[in-house]
N, C-alpha and C. Protein backbone atom coordinates (compact mmCIF):
# COMPACT_ATOMS: atom_id res chain seq x y z
N MET A 1 -54.93 127.21 170.36
CA MET A 1 -54.56 126.37 169.23
C MET A 1 -53.46 127.05 168.41
N LYS A 2 -52.40 126.30 168.14
CA LYS A 2 -51.27 126.86 167.41
C LYS A 2 -51.62 127.06 165.93
N ARG A 3 -51.30 128.24 165.43
CA ARG A 3 -51.59 128.53 164.03
C ARG A 3 -50.52 127.92 163.13
N PRO A 4 -50.92 127.37 161.98
CA PRO A 4 -49.93 126.78 161.05
C PRO A 4 -49.04 127.85 160.45
N ILE A 5 -47.81 127.45 160.11
CA ILE A 5 -46.85 128.40 159.56
C ILE A 5 -47.34 128.99 158.25
N GLY A 6 -48.14 128.23 157.51
CA GLY A 6 -48.67 128.73 156.24
C GLY A 6 -49.53 129.96 156.41
N LEU A 7 -50.20 130.06 157.56
CA LEU A 7 -51.02 131.23 157.82
C LEU A 7 -50.16 132.47 158.02
N TYR A 8 -49.01 132.30 158.64
CA TYR A 8 -48.09 133.42 158.81
C TYR A 8 -47.48 133.84 157.46
N LEU A 9 -47.29 132.88 156.58
CA LEU A 9 -46.84 133.22 155.22
C LEU A 9 -47.89 134.04 154.50
N ALA A 10 -49.15 133.72 154.73
CA ALA A 10 -50.24 134.51 154.14
C ALA A 10 -50.19 135.94 154.66
N TYR A 11 -49.94 136.10 155.97
CA TYR A 11 -49.81 137.44 156.54
C TYR A 11 -48.64 138.20 155.90
N LEU A 12 -47.55 137.46 155.63
CA LEU A 12 -46.38 138.08 155.00
C LEU A 12 -46.73 138.61 153.62
N PHE A 13 -47.45 137.84 152.83
CA PHE A 13 -47.83 138.30 151.49
C PHE A 13 -48.81 139.47 151.56
N GLN A 14 -49.66 139.48 152.57
CA GLN A 14 -50.55 140.63 152.76
C GLN A 14 -49.73 141.88 153.07
N PHE A 15 -48.71 141.72 153.90
CA PHE A 15 -47.82 142.85 154.22
C PHE A 15 -47.10 143.34 152.96
N LEU A 16 -46.64 142.40 152.13
CA LEU A 16 -45.94 142.77 150.90
C LEU A 16 -46.87 143.48 149.92
N ILE A 17 -48.13 143.08 149.89
CA ILE A 17 -49.10 143.78 149.05
C ILE A 17 -49.25 145.22 149.53
N ALA A 18 -49.37 145.39 150.85
CA ALA A 18 -49.48 146.75 151.41
C ALA A 18 -48.24 147.58 151.09
N ALA A 19 -47.05 146.95 151.17
CA ALA A 19 -45.81 147.67 150.84
C ALA A 19 -45.81 148.12 149.38
N ASN A 20 -46.31 147.27 148.49
CA ASN A 20 -46.37 147.64 147.07
C ASN A 20 -47.38 148.74 146.81
N ILE A 21 -48.41 148.81 147.62
CA ILE A 21 -49.38 149.91 147.50
C ILE A 21 -48.68 151.24 147.78
N PHE A 22 -47.86 151.28 148.82
CA PHE A 22 -47.13 152.51 149.16
C PHE A 22 -46.09 152.84 148.08
N ILE A 23 -45.48 151.82 147.50
CA ILE A 23 -44.52 152.06 146.41
C ILE A 23 -45.24 152.68 145.22
N ALA A 24 -46.39 152.11 144.86
CA ALA A 24 -47.16 152.65 143.74
C ALA A 24 -47.63 154.07 144.03
N LEU A 25 -48.00 154.33 145.28
CA LEU A 25 -48.43 155.68 145.67
C LEU A 25 -47.28 156.67 145.52
N SER A 26 -46.08 156.27 145.92
CA SER A 26 -44.92 157.15 145.82
C SER A 26 -44.53 157.42 144.37
N LEU A 27 -44.87 156.49 143.49
CA LEU A 27 -44.56 156.65 142.06
C LEU A 27 -45.68 157.34 141.29
N GLY A 28 -46.76 157.61 141.98
CA GLY A 28 -47.89 158.26 141.32
C GLY A 28 -48.68 157.33 140.42
N GLU A 29 -48.52 156.02 140.63
CA GLU A 29 -49.26 155.02 139.83
C GLU A 29 -50.58 154.72 140.54
N TYR A 30 -51.54 155.62 140.34
CA TYR A 30 -52.77 155.52 141.12
C TYR A 30 -53.66 154.35 140.71
N SER A 31 -53.57 153.93 139.46
CA SER A 31 -54.34 152.76 139.05
C SER A 31 -53.80 151.51 139.75
N GLN A 32 -52.45 151.47 139.93
CA GLN A 32 -51.85 150.36 140.66
C GLN A 32 -52.20 150.42 142.15
N VAL A 33 -52.33 151.63 142.67
CA VAL A 33 -52.75 151.79 144.07
C VAL A 33 -54.15 151.22 144.25
N PHE A 34 -55.05 151.57 143.33
CA PHE A 34 -56.42 151.07 143.40
C PHE A 34 -56.44 149.54 143.32
N GLY A 35 -55.68 148.99 142.37
CA GLY A 35 -55.62 147.54 142.23
C GLY A 35 -55.05 146.87 143.47
N GLY A 36 -54.03 147.49 144.06
CA GLY A 36 -53.43 146.93 145.26
C GLY A 36 -54.38 146.94 146.45
N VAL A 37 -55.10 148.05 146.61
CA VAL A 37 -56.07 148.14 147.71
C VAL A 37 -57.16 147.09 147.52
N LEU A 38 -57.62 146.93 146.28
CA LEU A 38 -58.64 145.92 146.00
C LEU A 38 -58.12 144.52 146.30
N ALA A 39 -56.87 144.25 145.89
CA ALA A 39 -56.27 142.94 146.14
C ALA A 39 -56.13 142.68 147.63
N LEU A 40 -55.68 143.70 148.37
CA LEU A 40 -55.52 143.54 149.82
C LEU A 40 -56.86 143.24 150.47
N GLY A 41 -57.90 143.91 149.99
CA GLY A 41 -59.23 143.64 150.52
C GLY A 41 -59.68 142.21 150.25
N LEU A 42 -59.36 141.71 149.06
CA LEU A 42 -59.75 140.34 148.71
C LEU A 42 -59.04 139.30 149.57
N THR A 43 -57.81 139.62 150.00
CA THR A 43 -57.09 138.66 150.85
C THR A 43 -57.76 138.50 152.21
N LEU A 44 -58.60 139.46 152.57
CA LEU A 44 -59.29 139.41 153.87
C LEU A 44 -60.59 138.61 153.81
N VAL A 45 -61.04 138.28 152.59
CA VAL A 45 -62.33 137.59 152.44
C VAL A 45 -62.36 136.25 153.16
N PRO A 46 -61.32 135.39 153.02
CA PRO A 46 -61.38 134.11 153.75
C PRO A 46 -61.55 134.27 155.26
N ALA A 47 -60.87 135.26 155.83
CA ALA A 47 -61.00 135.49 157.27
C ALA A 47 -62.40 135.97 157.63
N ILE A 48 -62.98 136.82 156.77
CA ILE A 48 -64.33 137.33 157.01
C ILE A 48 -65.35 136.19 156.93
N VAL A 49 -65.18 135.33 155.92
CA VAL A 49 -66.08 134.18 155.77
C VAL A 49 -65.98 133.27 156.99
N THR A 50 -64.75 133.07 157.47
CA THR A 50 -64.54 132.21 158.63
C THR A 50 -65.24 132.76 159.87
N ARG A 51 -65.15 134.07 160.07
CA ARG A 51 -65.70 134.67 161.29
C ARG A 51 -67.22 134.83 161.22
N ARG A 52 -67.72 135.29 160.07
CA ARG A 52 -69.15 135.58 159.97
C ARG A 52 -69.97 134.39 159.48
N GLY A 53 -69.34 133.50 158.72
CA GLY A 53 -70.08 132.37 158.19
C GLY A 53 -70.02 131.13 159.05
N ASN A 54 -69.30 131.22 160.17
CA ASN A 54 -69.18 130.09 161.09
C ASN A 54 -68.64 128.87 160.36
N ILE A 55 -67.69 129.13 159.46
CA ILE A 55 -67.05 128.07 158.68
C ILE A 55 -65.54 128.20 158.85
N THR A 56 -64.87 127.10 159.08
CA THR A 56 -63.43 127.11 159.24
C THR A 56 -62.79 126.69 157.92
N LEU A 57 -62.32 127.67 157.16
CA LEU A 57 -61.69 127.37 155.88
C LEU A 57 -60.26 126.88 156.09
N PRO A 58 -59.78 125.98 155.25
CA PRO A 58 -58.39 125.52 155.37
C PRO A 58 -57.41 126.68 155.23
N TRP A 59 -56.32 126.66 156.00
CA TRP A 59 -55.35 127.75 155.95
C TRP A 59 -54.71 127.86 154.57
N GLU A 60 -54.71 126.77 153.81
CA GLU A 60 -54.13 126.81 152.47
C GLU A 60 -54.84 127.82 151.57
N ILE A 61 -56.13 128.03 151.82
CA ILE A 61 -56.87 129.01 151.02
C ILE A 61 -56.35 130.41 151.28
N ASN A 62 -56.15 130.76 152.56
CA ASN A 62 -55.59 132.07 152.89
C ASN A 62 -54.25 132.29 152.20
N LEU A 63 -53.41 131.26 152.24
CA LEU A 63 -52.08 131.38 151.65
C LEU A 63 -52.15 131.52 150.14
N LEU A 64 -52.94 130.69 149.49
CA LEU A 64 -53.02 130.73 148.03
C LEU A 64 -53.61 132.05 147.53
N VAL A 65 -54.65 132.53 148.20
CA VAL A 65 -55.26 133.80 147.80
C VAL A 65 -54.27 134.95 147.95
N ALA A 66 -53.59 134.99 149.10
CA ALA A 66 -52.61 136.06 149.34
C ALA A 66 -51.45 135.98 148.36
N LEU A 67 -50.95 134.78 148.09
CA LEU A 67 -49.84 134.61 147.16
C LEU A 67 -50.22 135.02 145.75
N SER A 68 -51.38 134.56 145.28
CA SER A 68 -51.83 134.88 143.93
C SER A 68 -51.99 136.38 143.72
N LEU A 69 -52.60 137.03 144.69
CA LEU A 69 -52.83 138.48 144.56
C LEU A 69 -51.53 139.25 144.71
N TYR A 70 -50.62 138.76 145.56
CA TYR A 70 -49.32 139.43 145.67
C TYR A 70 -48.57 139.37 144.34
N LEU A 71 -48.56 138.20 143.69
CA LEU A 71 -47.87 138.07 142.40
C LEU A 71 -48.43 139.04 141.38
N HIS A 72 -49.75 139.21 141.39
CA HIS A 72 -50.38 140.15 140.45
C HIS A 72 -50.00 141.59 140.76
N VAL A 73 -50.09 141.96 142.04
CA VAL A 73 -49.79 143.35 142.43
C VAL A 73 -48.32 143.66 142.19
N ALA A 74 -47.42 142.78 142.64
CA ALA A 74 -45.99 143.01 142.46
C ALA A 74 -45.61 143.01 140.98
N GLY A 75 -46.27 142.16 140.21
CA GLY A 75 -46.00 142.11 138.78
C GLY A 75 -46.28 143.43 138.09
N GLY A 76 -47.34 144.12 138.56
CA GLY A 76 -47.68 145.41 137.98
C GLY A 76 -46.86 146.56 138.53
N VAL A 77 -46.75 146.61 139.85
CA VAL A 77 -46.05 147.73 140.49
C VAL A 77 -44.55 147.68 140.23
N ARG A 78 -43.95 146.51 140.38
CA ARG A 78 -42.50 146.38 140.24
C ARG A 78 -42.06 146.03 138.82
N GLY A 79 -43.03 145.85 137.94
CA GLY A 79 -42.70 145.56 136.54
C GLY A 79 -42.20 144.15 136.29
N PHE A 80 -42.54 143.21 137.19
CA PHE A 80 -42.05 141.85 137.04
C PHE A 80 -42.63 141.16 135.81
N TYR A 81 -43.86 141.54 135.44
CA TYR A 81 -44.47 140.94 134.25
C TYR A 81 -43.61 141.18 133.01
N ASP A 82 -43.10 142.41 132.88
CA ASP A 82 -42.26 142.74 131.73
C ASP A 82 -40.82 142.30 131.92
N LEU A 83 -40.31 142.45 133.14
CA LEU A 83 -38.91 142.14 133.42
C LEU A 83 -38.62 140.65 133.25
N TYR A 84 -39.54 139.82 133.68
CA TYR A 84 -39.33 138.37 133.62
C TYR A 84 -40.30 137.69 132.65
N TYR A 85 -40.74 138.44 131.65
CA TYR A 85 -41.68 137.90 130.67
C TYR A 85 -40.98 136.83 129.83
N PRO A 86 -41.66 135.72 129.51
CA PRO A 86 -43.05 135.37 129.88
C PRO A 86 -43.15 134.50 131.13
N TYR A 87 -42.01 134.19 131.78
CA TYR A 87 -42.01 133.19 132.84
C TYR A 87 -42.84 133.63 134.06
N TYR A 88 -42.65 134.87 134.47
CA TYR A 88 -43.38 135.36 135.64
C TYR A 88 -44.88 135.29 135.40
N ASP A 89 -45.31 135.71 134.24
CA ASP A 89 -46.73 135.73 133.89
C ASP A 89 -47.31 134.33 133.93
N LYS A 90 -46.60 133.36 133.39
CA LYS A 90 -47.13 132.00 133.32
C LYS A 90 -47.18 131.36 134.70
N VAL A 91 -46.16 131.59 135.52
CA VAL A 91 -46.18 131.07 136.89
C VAL A 91 -47.34 131.69 137.66
N ALA A 92 -47.55 132.99 137.47
CA ALA A 92 -48.66 133.67 138.14
C ALA A 92 -50.00 133.08 137.73
N HIS A 93 -50.15 132.78 136.44
CA HIS A 93 -51.40 132.18 135.96
C HIS A 93 -51.57 130.75 136.48
N LEU A 94 -50.48 130.02 136.56
CA LEU A 94 -50.56 128.66 137.09
C LEU A 94 -51.03 128.67 138.55
N ILE A 95 -50.43 129.53 139.35
CA ILE A 95 -50.80 129.61 140.76
C ILE A 95 -52.23 130.15 140.91
N SER A 96 -52.59 131.10 140.07
CA SER A 96 -53.97 131.61 140.10
C SER A 96 -54.96 130.52 139.73
N GLY A 97 -54.59 129.70 138.74
CA GLY A 97 -55.46 128.60 138.35
C GLY A 97 -55.65 127.61 139.49
N ILE A 98 -54.57 127.32 140.20
CA ILE A 98 -54.65 126.42 141.36
C ILE A 98 -55.52 127.04 142.45
N THR A 99 -55.32 128.34 142.69
CA THR A 99 -56.07 129.03 143.74
C THR A 99 -57.56 129.02 143.46
N VAL A 100 -57.94 129.43 142.25
CA VAL A 100 -59.36 129.47 141.88
C VAL A 100 -59.97 128.07 141.94
N SER A 101 -59.21 127.08 141.53
CA SER A 101 -59.71 125.70 141.52
C SER A 101 -59.93 125.18 142.94
N VAL A 102 -59.01 125.50 143.85
CA VAL A 102 -59.17 125.09 145.25
C VAL A 102 -60.41 125.77 145.85
N LEU A 103 -60.59 127.05 145.53
CA LEU A 103 -61.78 127.76 146.00
C LEU A 103 -63.04 127.11 145.46
N ALA A 104 -63.01 126.72 144.18
CA ALA A 104 -64.17 126.07 143.58
C ALA A 104 -64.46 124.73 144.25
N PHE A 105 -63.40 123.98 144.55
CA PHE A 105 -63.56 122.67 145.19
C PHE A 105 -64.19 122.80 146.57
N VAL A 106 -63.66 123.72 147.37
CA VAL A 106 -64.20 123.92 148.71
C VAL A 106 -65.63 124.44 148.65
N ALA A 107 -65.87 125.40 147.73
CA ALA A 107 -67.20 126.01 147.62
C ALA A 107 -68.25 124.98 147.20
N VAL A 108 -67.92 124.13 146.24
CA VAL A 108 -68.91 123.16 145.76
C VAL A 108 -69.16 122.08 146.81
N LEU A 109 -68.14 121.73 147.60
CA LEU A 109 -68.35 120.78 148.69
C LEU A 109 -69.29 121.35 149.75
N LEU A 110 -69.09 122.62 150.10
CA LEU A 110 -69.95 123.26 151.10
C LEU A 110 -71.36 123.44 150.55
N LEU A 111 -71.45 123.81 149.28
CA LEU A 111 -72.77 123.97 148.65
C LEU A 111 -73.51 122.64 148.64
N ASP A 112 -72.79 121.58 148.31
CA ASP A 112 -73.40 120.26 148.29
C ASP A 112 -73.90 119.87 149.67
N ARG A 113 -73.14 120.22 150.69
CA ARG A 113 -73.52 119.84 152.06
C ARG A 113 -74.74 120.60 152.54
N PHE A 114 -74.75 121.91 152.29
CA PHE A 114 -75.83 122.73 152.82
C PHE A 114 -77.11 122.67 151.99
N SER A 115 -76.98 122.40 150.69
CA SER A 115 -78.15 122.40 149.82
C SER A 115 -78.70 121.00 149.56
N ARG A 116 -77.98 119.98 149.99
CA ARG A 116 -78.40 118.59 149.78
C ARG A 116 -78.48 118.24 148.30
N LEU A 117 -77.58 118.79 147.50
CA LEU A 117 -77.59 118.49 146.07
C LEU A 117 -77.16 117.06 145.77
N ASN A 118 -76.31 116.52 146.64
CA ASN A 118 -75.80 115.17 146.46
C ASN A 118 -75.09 115.00 145.11
N LEU A 119 -74.14 115.89 144.83
CA LEU A 119 -73.40 115.85 143.57
C LEU A 119 -72.48 114.64 143.53
N SER A 120 -72.33 114.07 142.34
CA SER A 120 -71.43 112.94 142.19
C SER A 120 -69.98 113.42 142.15
N ARG A 121 -69.07 112.48 142.33
CA ARG A 121 -67.64 112.83 142.31
C ARG A 121 -67.25 113.47 140.99
N TRP A 122 -67.74 112.95 139.88
CA TRP A 122 -67.34 113.47 138.58
C TRP A 122 -67.95 114.83 138.29
N MET A 123 -69.12 115.08 138.86
CA MET A 123 -69.72 116.42 138.71
C MET A 123 -68.88 117.45 139.44
N ILE A 124 -68.39 117.10 140.62
CA ILE A 124 -67.55 118.02 141.39
C ILE A 124 -66.23 118.27 140.68
N VAL A 125 -65.60 117.20 140.19
CA VAL A 125 -64.33 117.33 139.48
C VAL A 125 -64.51 118.17 138.21
N GLY A 126 -65.59 117.92 137.48
CA GLY A 126 -65.85 118.71 136.27
C GLY A 126 -66.11 120.17 136.58
N PHE A 127 -66.81 120.43 137.68
CA PHE A 127 -67.10 121.81 138.07
C PHE A 127 -65.82 122.58 138.34
N ILE A 128 -64.84 121.93 138.97
CA ILE A 128 -63.58 122.60 139.28
C ILE A 128 -62.94 123.15 138.01
N ILE A 129 -62.84 122.32 136.97
CA ILE A 129 -62.19 122.74 135.73
C ILE A 129 -63.02 123.79 135.01
N ILE A 130 -64.33 123.58 134.93
CA ILE A 130 -65.20 124.53 134.23
C ILE A 130 -65.17 125.90 134.90
N PHE A 131 -65.23 125.91 136.23
CA PHE A 131 -65.23 127.18 136.96
C PHE A 131 -63.92 127.93 136.76
N ALA A 132 -62.80 127.21 136.86
CA ALA A 132 -61.48 127.85 136.70
C ALA A 132 -61.34 128.45 135.30
N MET A 133 -61.76 127.73 134.27
CA MET A 133 -61.63 128.23 132.91
C MET A 133 -62.59 129.39 132.65
N ALA A 134 -63.75 129.36 133.30
CA ALA A 134 -64.68 130.48 133.16
C ALA A 134 -64.09 131.76 133.76
N MET A 135 -63.48 131.63 134.94
CA MET A 135 -62.85 132.79 135.57
C MET A 135 -61.69 133.31 134.74
N GLU A 136 -60.92 132.40 134.14
CA GLU A 136 -59.81 132.81 133.28
C GLU A 136 -60.34 133.53 132.04
N GLY A 137 -61.46 133.06 131.51
CA GLY A 137 -62.07 133.74 130.37
C GLY A 137 -62.46 135.16 130.71
N PHE A 138 -63.08 135.36 131.88
CA PHE A 138 -63.44 136.71 132.32
C PHE A 138 -62.19 137.57 132.52
N TRP A 139 -61.12 136.97 133.03
CA TRP A 139 -59.87 137.71 133.25
C TRP A 139 -59.28 138.20 131.93
N GLU A 140 -59.29 137.35 130.92
CA GLU A 140 -58.74 137.74 129.62
C GLU A 140 -59.60 138.82 128.96
N ILE A 141 -60.91 138.75 129.17
CA ILE A 141 -61.80 139.81 128.67
C ILE A 141 -61.48 141.13 129.35
N TYR A 142 -61.25 141.07 130.66
CA TYR A 142 -60.86 142.27 131.43
C TYR A 142 -59.58 142.88 130.86
N GLU A 143 -58.57 142.03 130.60
CA GLU A 143 -57.32 142.54 130.04
C GLU A 143 -57.53 143.16 128.67
N TRP A 144 -58.34 142.52 127.85
CA TRP A 144 -58.61 143.05 126.51
C TRP A 144 -59.32 144.39 126.58
N LEU A 145 -60.29 144.52 127.46
CA LEU A 145 -61.03 145.78 127.60
C LEU A 145 -60.10 146.90 128.04
N PHE A 146 -59.21 146.63 129.01
CA PHE A 146 -58.28 147.65 129.47
C PHE A 146 -57.31 148.04 128.37
N ASP A 147 -56.80 147.06 127.62
CA ASP A 147 -55.88 147.36 126.53
C ASP A 147 -56.56 148.17 125.43
N THR A 148 -57.81 147.84 125.15
CA THR A 148 -58.53 148.49 124.06
C THR A 148 -58.96 149.90 124.40
N PHE A 149 -59.49 150.10 125.58
CA PHE A 149 -60.09 151.39 125.92
C PHE A 149 -59.24 152.27 126.83
N LEU A 150 -58.25 151.69 127.51
CA LEU A 150 -57.41 152.49 128.41
C LEU A 150 -55.96 152.54 127.97
N GLY A 151 -55.63 151.83 126.89
CA GLY A 151 -54.28 151.90 126.34
C GLY A 151 -53.23 151.17 127.14
N THR A 152 -53.64 150.22 127.97
CA THR A 152 -52.66 149.43 128.72
C THR A 152 -52.04 148.36 127.81
N ASN A 153 -51.12 147.59 128.37
CA ASN A 153 -50.45 146.56 127.59
C ASN A 153 -50.43 145.25 128.38
N LEU A 154 -51.63 144.78 128.71
CA LEU A 154 -51.76 143.58 129.53
C LEU A 154 -51.64 142.31 128.72
N GLN A 155 -52.09 142.35 127.49
CA GLN A 155 -52.01 141.18 126.62
C GLN A 155 -50.92 141.38 125.57
N HIS A 156 -50.27 140.27 125.21
CA HIS A 156 -49.17 140.34 124.25
C HIS A 156 -49.42 139.41 123.06
N GLY A 157 -50.63 139.49 122.53
CA GLY A 157 -50.94 138.71 121.35
C GLY A 157 -51.69 137.42 121.67
N LEU A 158 -52.11 136.73 120.62
CA LEU A 158 -52.91 135.53 120.76
C LEU A 158 -52.15 134.42 121.49
N ASP A 159 -50.87 134.23 121.15
CA ASP A 159 -50.09 133.17 121.79
C ASP A 159 -50.01 133.37 123.30
N ASP A 160 -49.81 134.62 123.72
CA ASP A 160 -49.73 134.93 125.14
C ASP A 160 -51.05 134.61 125.83
N THR A 161 -52.17 134.99 125.22
CA THR A 161 -53.48 134.72 125.81
C THR A 161 -53.75 133.23 125.91
N MET A 162 -53.42 132.49 124.85
CA MET A 162 -53.67 131.06 124.85
C MET A 162 -52.80 130.34 125.90
N LEU A 163 -51.54 130.78 126.03
CA LEU A 163 -50.67 130.17 127.03
C LEU A 163 -51.17 130.47 128.44
N ASP A 164 -51.69 131.68 128.65
CA ASP A 164 -52.28 132.00 129.95
C ASP A 164 -53.40 131.02 130.28
N MET A 165 -54.27 130.78 129.31
CA MET A 165 -55.39 129.88 129.52
C MET A 165 -54.92 128.44 129.73
N ILE A 166 -53.89 128.04 129.02
CA ILE A 166 -53.36 126.69 129.17
C ILE A 166 -52.77 126.48 130.56
N PHE A 167 -52.05 127.49 131.07
CA PHE A 167 -51.45 127.34 132.40
C PHE A 167 -52.52 127.33 133.49
N VAL A 168 -53.59 128.09 133.30
CA VAL A 168 -54.70 128.02 134.25
C VAL A 168 -55.34 126.64 134.17
N LEU A 169 -55.48 126.10 132.97
CA LEU A 169 -56.05 124.76 132.80
C LEU A 169 -55.18 123.71 133.49
N ILE A 170 -53.86 123.85 133.37
CA ILE A 170 -52.96 122.91 134.04
C ILE A 170 -53.18 122.95 135.56
N GLY A 171 -53.28 124.16 136.11
CA GLY A 171 -53.54 124.31 137.54
C GLY A 171 -54.88 123.69 137.93
N ALA A 172 -55.90 123.88 137.09
CA ALA A 172 -57.22 123.33 137.37
C ALA A 172 -57.20 121.80 137.33
N VAL A 173 -56.49 121.24 136.37
CA VAL A 173 -56.40 119.78 136.25
C VAL A 173 -55.68 119.19 137.46
N ILE A 174 -54.62 119.86 137.92
CA ILE A 174 -53.89 119.39 139.10
C ILE A 174 -54.82 119.31 140.31
N VAL A 175 -55.61 120.37 140.52
CA VAL A 175 -56.53 120.39 141.65
C VAL A 175 -57.65 119.38 141.46
N ALA A 176 -58.15 119.26 140.22
CA ALA A 176 -59.23 118.32 139.94
C ALA A 176 -58.79 116.88 140.21
N LEU A 177 -57.57 116.53 139.78
CA LEU A 177 -57.06 115.19 140.02
C LEU A 177 -56.85 114.94 141.51
N THR A 178 -56.34 115.96 142.20
CA THR A 178 -56.15 115.84 143.65
C THR A 178 -57.50 115.70 144.35
N GLY A 179 -58.46 116.52 143.92
CA GLY A 179 -59.80 116.43 144.49
C GLY A 179 -60.44 115.09 144.24
N ASN A 180 -60.23 114.56 143.05
CA ASN A 180 -60.77 113.24 142.71
C ASN A 180 -60.19 112.16 143.63
N ARG A 181 -58.90 112.29 143.91
CA ARG A 181 -58.27 111.31 144.81
C ARG A 181 -58.84 111.40 146.22
N TYR A 182 -59.02 112.63 146.71
CA TYR A 182 -59.60 112.79 148.04
C TYR A 182 -61.02 112.22 148.09
N LEU A 183 -61.79 112.48 147.04
CA LEU A 183 -63.18 112.02 147.01
C LEU A 183 -63.29 110.50 146.88
N SER A 184 -62.23 109.89 146.35
CA SER A 184 -62.23 108.44 146.24
C SER A 184 -61.84 107.77 147.56
N GLU A 185 -61.16 108.54 148.43
CA GLU A 185 -60.70 107.99 149.71
C GLU A 185 -61.56 108.42 150.89
N PHE A 186 -62.21 109.59 150.76
CA PHE A 186 -63.02 110.11 151.87
C PHE A 186 -64.40 110.50 151.34
N SER A 187 -65.36 110.48 152.22
CA SER A 187 -66.70 110.95 151.84
C SER A 187 -66.73 112.47 151.84
N LYS A 188 -67.74 113.03 151.20
CA LYS A 188 -67.88 114.49 151.18
C LYS A 188 -68.10 115.03 152.59
N GLU A 189 -68.80 114.26 153.41
CA GLU A 189 -69.04 114.68 154.78
C GLU A 189 -67.74 114.74 155.59
N GLU A 190 -66.86 113.79 155.33
CA GLU A 190 -65.57 113.77 156.01
C GLU A 190 -64.71 114.96 155.58
N LEU A 191 -64.75 115.32 154.30
CA LEU A 191 -63.95 116.43 153.80
C LEU A 191 -64.43 117.77 154.32
N THR A 192 -65.72 117.90 154.52
CA THR A 192 -66.27 119.18 155.02
C THR A 192 -66.40 119.18 156.54
N GLY A 193 -66.11 118.03 157.17
CA GLY A 193 -66.31 117.92 158.61
C GLY A 193 -65.51 118.92 159.42
N LYS A 194 -64.27 119.20 158.98
CA LYS A 194 -63.43 120.13 159.72
C LYS A 194 -63.79 121.59 159.45
N MET A 195 -64.53 121.82 158.37
CA MET A 195 -64.90 123.20 158.03
C MET A 195 -66.22 123.63 158.64
N VAL A 196 -67.10 122.66 158.87
CA VAL A 196 -68.44 122.96 159.37
C VAL A 196 -68.57 122.45 160.79
N PRO A 197 -69.02 123.30 161.72
CA PRO A 197 -69.19 122.85 163.11
C PRO A 197 -70.25 121.77 163.20
N LYS A 198 -70.03 120.86 164.13
CA LYS A 198 -70.98 119.76 164.30
C LYS A 198 -72.30 120.28 164.84
N GLU A 199 -73.37 119.74 164.25
CA GLU A 199 -74.70 120.13 164.70
C GLU A 199 -75.01 119.45 166.04
N PRO A 200 -75.60 120.19 166.92
CA PRO A 200 -75.95 119.57 168.21
C PRO A 200 -76.95 118.44 168.04
N ARG A 201 -76.81 117.43 168.85
CA ARG A 201 -77.72 116.30 168.77
C ARG A 201 -79.12 116.69 169.23
N ARG A 202 -80.11 116.20 168.50
CA ARG A 202 -81.50 116.48 168.87
C ARG A 202 -81.99 115.39 169.83
N GLU A 203 -82.63 115.84 170.90
CA GLU A 203 -83.14 114.89 171.90
C GLU A 203 -84.42 114.24 171.40
């Protein structure tokens, strides 16, 4: 089976993350090295889930995860957050919001299928936005803790924090509206059909 080009783009971003790890190592930025290694490990999670969970995740997830983490790693190692502030930061948050929301959409569909929750369309759409904003809240707390106790400069005031949250919300709304459209045209079983192997027929 031919692999989609998007999957090769995901591999490219994984390679770029690894390259930035070596750059950070050469500069003695060991905190960036740790963050890069962690990010690279996270990009492997979709593949691990696919192989061990017997679930075929859409290739778009691999690409979005790799892209989001690359933007974060490159922003720190190469100084893009400061060099292209505030545009780089907001684009990174928008893409991160989209990524987390897509993950939430796929996860809640699979949870609904395996647990027989029978969630309504509006519950699923609402979950996407709530989950994305919750993750963004935890991210902002992480930045505040690092700035407060480690002397970093991740946050640039209240306006910067609020704009970060707004851009994540925009990404979440985009995915929620798209998810709502899919759910209005296809059943939940149809949407998860390509991700979950068909159960053998019982005699």
